[in-house]
N, C-alpha and C. Protein backbone atom coordinates (compact mmCIF):
# COMPACT_ATOMS: atom_id res chain seq x y z
N MET A 1 -50.46 -34.57 -22.12
CA MET A 1 -49.11 -35.62 -22.31
C MET A 1 -48.34 -35.80 -21.26
N THR A 2 -47.66 -36.15 -21.29
CA THR A 2 -46.78 -35.88 -20.05
C THR A 2 -45.15 -36.38 -20.96
N ASP A 3 -43.98 -35.73 -21.36
CA ASP A 3 -42.46 -35.71 -21.35
C ASP A 3 -42.35 -37.37 -21.08
N PRO A 4 -41.68 -38.29 -21.71
CA PRO A 4 -40.91 -39.63 -21.36
C PRO A 4 -39.98 -39.55 -20.09
N GLY A 5 -39.82 -39.94 -19.54
CA GLY A 5 -38.41 -39.99 -18.34
C GLY A 5 -37.72 -40.18 -19.62
N GLU A 6 -35.85 -39.82 -18.65
CA GLU A 6 -35.13 -40.85 -19.28
C GLU A 6 -35.14 -41.84 -19.04
N ILE A 7 -34.59 -42.86 -20.37
CA ILE A 7 -34.24 -44.47 -20.11
C ILE A 7 -33.76 -44.64 -18.79
N THR A 8 -33.39 -45.85 -17.77
CA THR A 8 -32.52 -45.90 -16.41
C THR A 8 -32.23 -47.55 -16.89
N PHE A 9 -30.92 -47.84 -17.01
CA PHE A 9 -30.35 -50.01 -17.32
C PHE A 9 -29.93 -50.12 -15.96
N LEU A 10 -31.28 -50.81 -16.01
CA LEU A 10 -31.54 -52.21 -14.96
C LEU A 10 -30.89 -53.45 -14.71
N THR A 11 -30.70 -54.07 -13.84
CA THR A 11 -30.09 -55.45 -13.73
C THR A 11 -31.53 -56.21 -13.26
N VAL A 12 -31.56 -57.56 -13.93
CA VAL A 12 -33.04 -58.75 -13.78
C VAL A 12 -31.74 -59.09 -13.51
N ASP A 13 -32.52 -59.61 -11.64
CA ASP A 13 -31.84 -60.96 -10.89
C ASP A 13 -33.05 -61.57 -11.40
N ASP A 14 -33.62 -62.49 -9.98
CA ASP A 14 -34.48 -63.68 -10.42
C ASP A 14 -35.75 -63.53 -10.82
N GLU A 15 -36.24 -62.13 -11.30
CA GLU A 15 -37.66 -61.93 -11.24
C GLU A 15 -37.69 -60.30 -11.57
N LEU A 16 -38.08 -59.64 -12.20
CA LEU A 16 -38.31 -58.70 -12.47
C LEU A 16 -39.93 -58.24 -12.59
N HIS A 17 -40.51 -57.41 -11.21
CA HIS A 17 -42.30 -57.10 -11.69
C HIS A 17 -42.62 -55.82 -11.00
N ILE A 18 -41.74 -55.26 -10.60
CA ILE A 18 -42.15 -54.41 -9.12
C ILE A 18 -41.25 -53.10 -9.63
N CYS A 19 -41.55 -52.02 -9.92
CA CYS A 19 -41.40 -50.79 -10.49
C CYS A 19 -40.09 -49.84 -8.81
N PRO A 20 -39.03 -50.16 -9.53
CA PRO A 20 -37.88 -49.93 -8.56
C PRO A 20 -38.08 -48.14 -7.94
N GLY A 21 -38.70 -47.42 -9.18
CA GLY A 21 -39.00 -45.84 -8.48
C GLY A 21 -39.78 -45.70 -7.68
N CYS A 22 -41.29 -46.56 -8.06
CA CYS A 22 -42.40 -45.99 -7.10
C CYS A 22 -42.88 -47.81 -6.12
N GLY A 23 -42.57 -48.55 -6.72
CA GLY A 23 -43.25 -50.21 -5.63
C GLY A 23 -44.06 -50.37 -6.75
N TYR A 24 -44.66 -50.05 -7.51
CA TYR A 24 -46.25 -50.24 -8.15
C TYR A 24 -45.90 -52.38 -8.72
N ALA A 25 -46.50 -53.09 -7.88
CA ALA A 25 -46.47 -54.21 -8.37
C ALA A 25 -46.26 -54.86 -8.59
N LEU A 26 -47.67 -55.10 -10.28
CA LEU A 26 -48.20 -55.26 -11.09
C LEU A 26 -48.38 -55.75 -12.41
N GLY A 27 -46.63 -55.50 -12.85
CA GLY A 27 -45.78 -55.76 -13.84
C GLY A 27 -45.79 -54.28 -14.35
N PHE A 28 -45.32 -54.83 -15.99
CA PHE A 28 -44.92 -53.48 -16.51
C PHE A 28 -45.36 -53.54 -18.26
N GLN A 29 -44.97 -52.24 -18.86
CA GLN A 29 -45.88 -52.36 -19.96
C GLN A 29 -44.33 -52.32 -20.45
N THR A 30 -44.85 -52.36 -22.12
CA THR A 30 -43.85 -52.43 -22.74
C THR A 30 -43.42 -51.67 -24.56
N SER A 31 -42.30 -51.01 -24.60
CA SER A 31 -42.32 -50.37 -25.68
C SER A 31 -40.99 -50.77 -26.43
N PHE A 32 -41.03 -50.25 -28.01
CA PHE A 32 -40.03 -50.81 -28.39
C PHE A 32 -39.19 -49.57 -29.52
N LEU A 33 -37.96 -49.00 -28.88
CA LEU A 33 -37.11 -48.07 -29.56
C LEU A 33 -36.21 -48.42 -30.26
N ASN A 34 -36.28 -48.06 -31.72
CA ASN A 34 -35.22 -48.50 -32.79
C ASN A 34 -34.39 -48.01 -31.69
N SER A 35 -33.02 -49.06 -32.18
CA SER A 35 -31.53 -48.99 -31.90
C SER A 35 -31.13 -47.67 -32.68
N ASN A 36 -31.24 -47.79 -34.14
CA ASN A 36 -30.68 -46.64 -34.64
C ASN A 36 -31.72 -45.47 -34.41
N ALA A 37 -32.09 -44.82 -33.63
CA ALA A 37 -32.46 -43.71 -33.00
C ALA A 37 -32.00 -43.04 -32.09
N VAL A 38 -30.84 -43.99 -31.97
CA VAL A 38 -30.07 -43.60 -30.22
C VAL A 38 -29.15 -42.79 -31.35
N LYS A 39 -28.54 -41.67 -30.65
CA LYS A 39 -27.44 -41.47 -31.19
C LYS A 39 -25.98 -41.84 -30.63
N ASP A 40 -25.52 -42.44 -29.72
CA ASP A 40 -24.44 -43.26 -29.26
C ASP A 40 -24.37 -44.22 -29.23
N ASN A 41 -25.23 -44.75 -30.28
CA ASN A 41 -25.47 -46.28 -30.90
C ASN A 41 -24.33 -47.39 -31.07
N HIS A 42 -23.90 -48.19 -29.81
CA HIS A 42 -22.59 -49.10 -30.57
C HIS A 42 -22.76 -50.06 -31.09
N ILE A 43 -23.79 -50.83 -31.71
CA ILE A 43 -24.80 -51.83 -31.74
C ILE A 43 -24.66 -51.15 -33.86
N LYS A 44 -23.70 -52.08 -34.56
CA LYS A 44 -24.24 -51.86 -35.98
C LYS A 44 -24.28 -53.07 -36.39
N SER A 45 -25.73 -52.71 -37.28
CA SER A 45 -26.26 -54.54 -37.42
C SER A 45 -27.02 -54.27 -39.07
N THR A 46 -27.35 -54.46 -40.25
CA THR A 46 -27.65 -54.79 -41.19
C THR A 46 -29.13 -54.89 -41.21
N ARG A 47 -29.90 -55.12 -39.92
CA ARG A 47 -31.00 -55.35 -39.51
C ARG A 47 -31.21 -54.57 -38.52
N GLU A 48 -33.09 -54.20 -38.83
CA GLU A 48 -33.48 -53.27 -37.59
C GLU A 48 -33.53 -53.96 -36.50
N VAL A 49 -33.28 -53.13 -35.15
CA VAL A 49 -32.84 -53.90 -33.96
C VAL A 49 -33.20 -52.75 -33.13
N TYR A 50 -34.61 -53.61 -32.36
CA TYR A 50 -35.18 -52.56 -31.08
C TYR A 50 -34.36 -52.77 -29.50
N ARG A 51 -34.69 -52.41 -28.88
CA ARG A 51 -34.32 -51.84 -27.29
C ARG A 51 -35.90 -52.04 -26.89
N VAL A 52 -36.10 -53.25 -26.08
CA VAL A 52 -37.22 -53.81 -25.13
C VAL A 52 -37.23 -52.63 -23.88
N ILE A 53 -38.14 -51.91 -23.84
CA ILE A 53 -38.28 -50.62 -22.90
C ILE A 53 -39.33 -51.00 -22.40
N LEU A 54 -38.98 -51.20 -21.27
CA LEU A 54 -40.19 -51.64 -19.48
C LEU A 54 -40.87 -50.21 -19.55
N ILE A 55 -42.04 -49.62 -19.68
CA ILE A 55 -42.48 -48.86 -18.95
C ILE A 55 -44.12 -49.05 -17.69
N CYS A 56 -43.73 -48.54 -16.48
CA CYS A 56 -44.66 -48.93 -15.27
C CYS A 56 -45.82 -47.77 -15.63
N PRO A 57 -46.76 -48.39 -15.50
CA PRO A 57 -48.23 -47.55 -15.86
C PRO A 57 -48.18 -47.14 -14.76
N GLU A 58 -47.39 -46.99 -13.43
CA GLU A 58 -48.05 -46.26 -12.44
C GLU A 58 -47.58 -44.86 -12.53
N CYS A 59 -46.02 -45.00 -12.65
CA CYS A 59 -45.11 -43.93 -12.40
C CYS A 59 -44.56 -43.15 -14.00
N GLY A 60 -44.88 -43.55 -14.36
CA GLY A 60 -44.05 -43.93 -16.04
C GLY A 60 -42.47 -44.17 -16.57
N ALA A 61 -42.05 -44.76 -15.59
CA ALA A 61 -40.14 -44.73 -15.46
C ALA A 61 -40.35 -45.48 -16.20
N ARG A 62 -39.01 -45.60 -17.07
CA ARG A 62 -38.55 -46.85 -18.15
C ARG A 62 -37.83 -47.45 -18.16
N TYR A 63 -37.31 -48.63 -18.10
CA TYR A 63 -36.37 -49.08 -17.94
C TYR A 63 -35.86 -49.84 -19.07
N ASP A 64 -33.77 -50.38 -18.87
CA ASP A 64 -34.07 -50.83 -20.74
C ASP A 64 -33.20 -52.08 -19.42
N VAL A 65 -33.48 -53.45 -19.60
CA VAL A 65 -32.51 -54.33 -19.01
C VAL A 65 -31.86 -55.15 -20.33
N GLY A 66 -31.82 -54.94 -21.33
CA GLY A 66 -30.82 -55.12 -22.12
C GLY A 66 -31.44 -56.26 -23.33
N TRP A 67 -32.51 -56.35 -22.85
CA TRP A 67 -33.47 -57.00 -24.06
C TRP A 67 -33.29 -56.39 -25.81
N ARG A 68 -33.18 -57.52 -26.91
CA ARG A 68 -33.37 -56.42 -27.99
C ARG A 68 -33.73 -57.45 -28.98
N ILE A 69 -34.77 -57.14 -29.75
CA ILE A 69 -35.01 -58.20 -30.56
C ILE A 69 -35.67 -57.59 -32.15
N SER A 70 -35.55 -58.23 -32.46
CA SER A 70 -35.71 -57.83 -34.68
C SER A 70 -37.14 -58.51 -35.13
N PHE A 71 -37.77 -57.22 -36.09
CA PHE A 71 -38.89 -57.69 -36.05
C PHE A 71 -38.91 -58.26 -37.92
N THR A 72 -37.71 -58.85 -38.05
CA THR A 72 -38.37 -59.29 -39.65
C THR A 72 -38.61 -59.87 -39.95
N VAL A 73 -39.53 -59.80 -41.56
CA VAL A 73 -40.60 -60.05 -42.14
C VAL A 73 -39.52 -61.96 -42.51
N PRO A 74 -40.07 -63.05 -42.43
CA PRO A 74 -39.17 -64.27 -42.66
C PRO A 74 -39.60 -63.66 -44.39
N GLU A 75 -38.47 -63.88 -45.18
CA GLU A 75 -38.95 -64.02 -46.33
C GLU A 75 -40.12 -65.33 -47.21
N ALA A 76 -41.02 -64.65 -48.29
CA ALA A 76 -41.82 -65.78 -48.53
C ALA A 76 -40.98 -66.99 -49.35
N LYS A 77 -41.51 -67.90 -49.14
CA LYS A 77 -40.67 -68.85 -49.98
C LYS A 77 -41.80 -69.34 -51.62
N ILE A 78 -41.00 -69.47 -52.14
CA ILE A 78 -41.83 -69.79 -53.77
C ILE A 78 -41.55 -70.88 -53.75
N VAL A 79 -42.42 -71.44 -54.65
CA VAL A 79 -42.44 -73.35 -54.52
C VAL A 79 -43.11 -73.55 -56.04
N LYS A 80 -42.53 -73.74 -57.14
CA LYS A 80 -42.26 -74.11 -58.18
C LYS A 80 -43.46 -75.92 -58.63
N THR A 81 -44.51 -75.52 -59.55
CA THR A 81 -44.81 -76.78 -59.65
C THR A 81 -44.90 -76.94 -61.20
N LEU A 82 -45.08 -78.20 -61.64
CA LEU A 82 -44.88 -78.56 -63.25
C LEU A 82 -46.96 -79.39 -63.00
N ALA A 83 -47.82 -78.35 -64.33
CA ALA A 83 -48.38 -79.70 -64.47
C ALA A 83 -48.75 -80.56 -65.05
N ILE A 84 -49.55 -81.37 -64.42
CA ILE A 84 -49.38 -82.46 -65.39
C ILE A 84 -50.07 -82.17 -66.15
């Protein structure tokens, strides 16, 4: 297995489905990188925030287009009922 390449920051204009590195035109795979895993992270948050990384399935190039996501689990709601 090859080591993933460096992540390149990329700006999205109208559409992004072609890899700028190799020209592959059938879209990207995605991965999620914990923002806290990056030493120079300037985002401080009390919740886990992940960077959405696009990966070209042809050449393996990785791109960060600025998308961030949190996988927080909604809190369970407890409903009390009265027995009649």
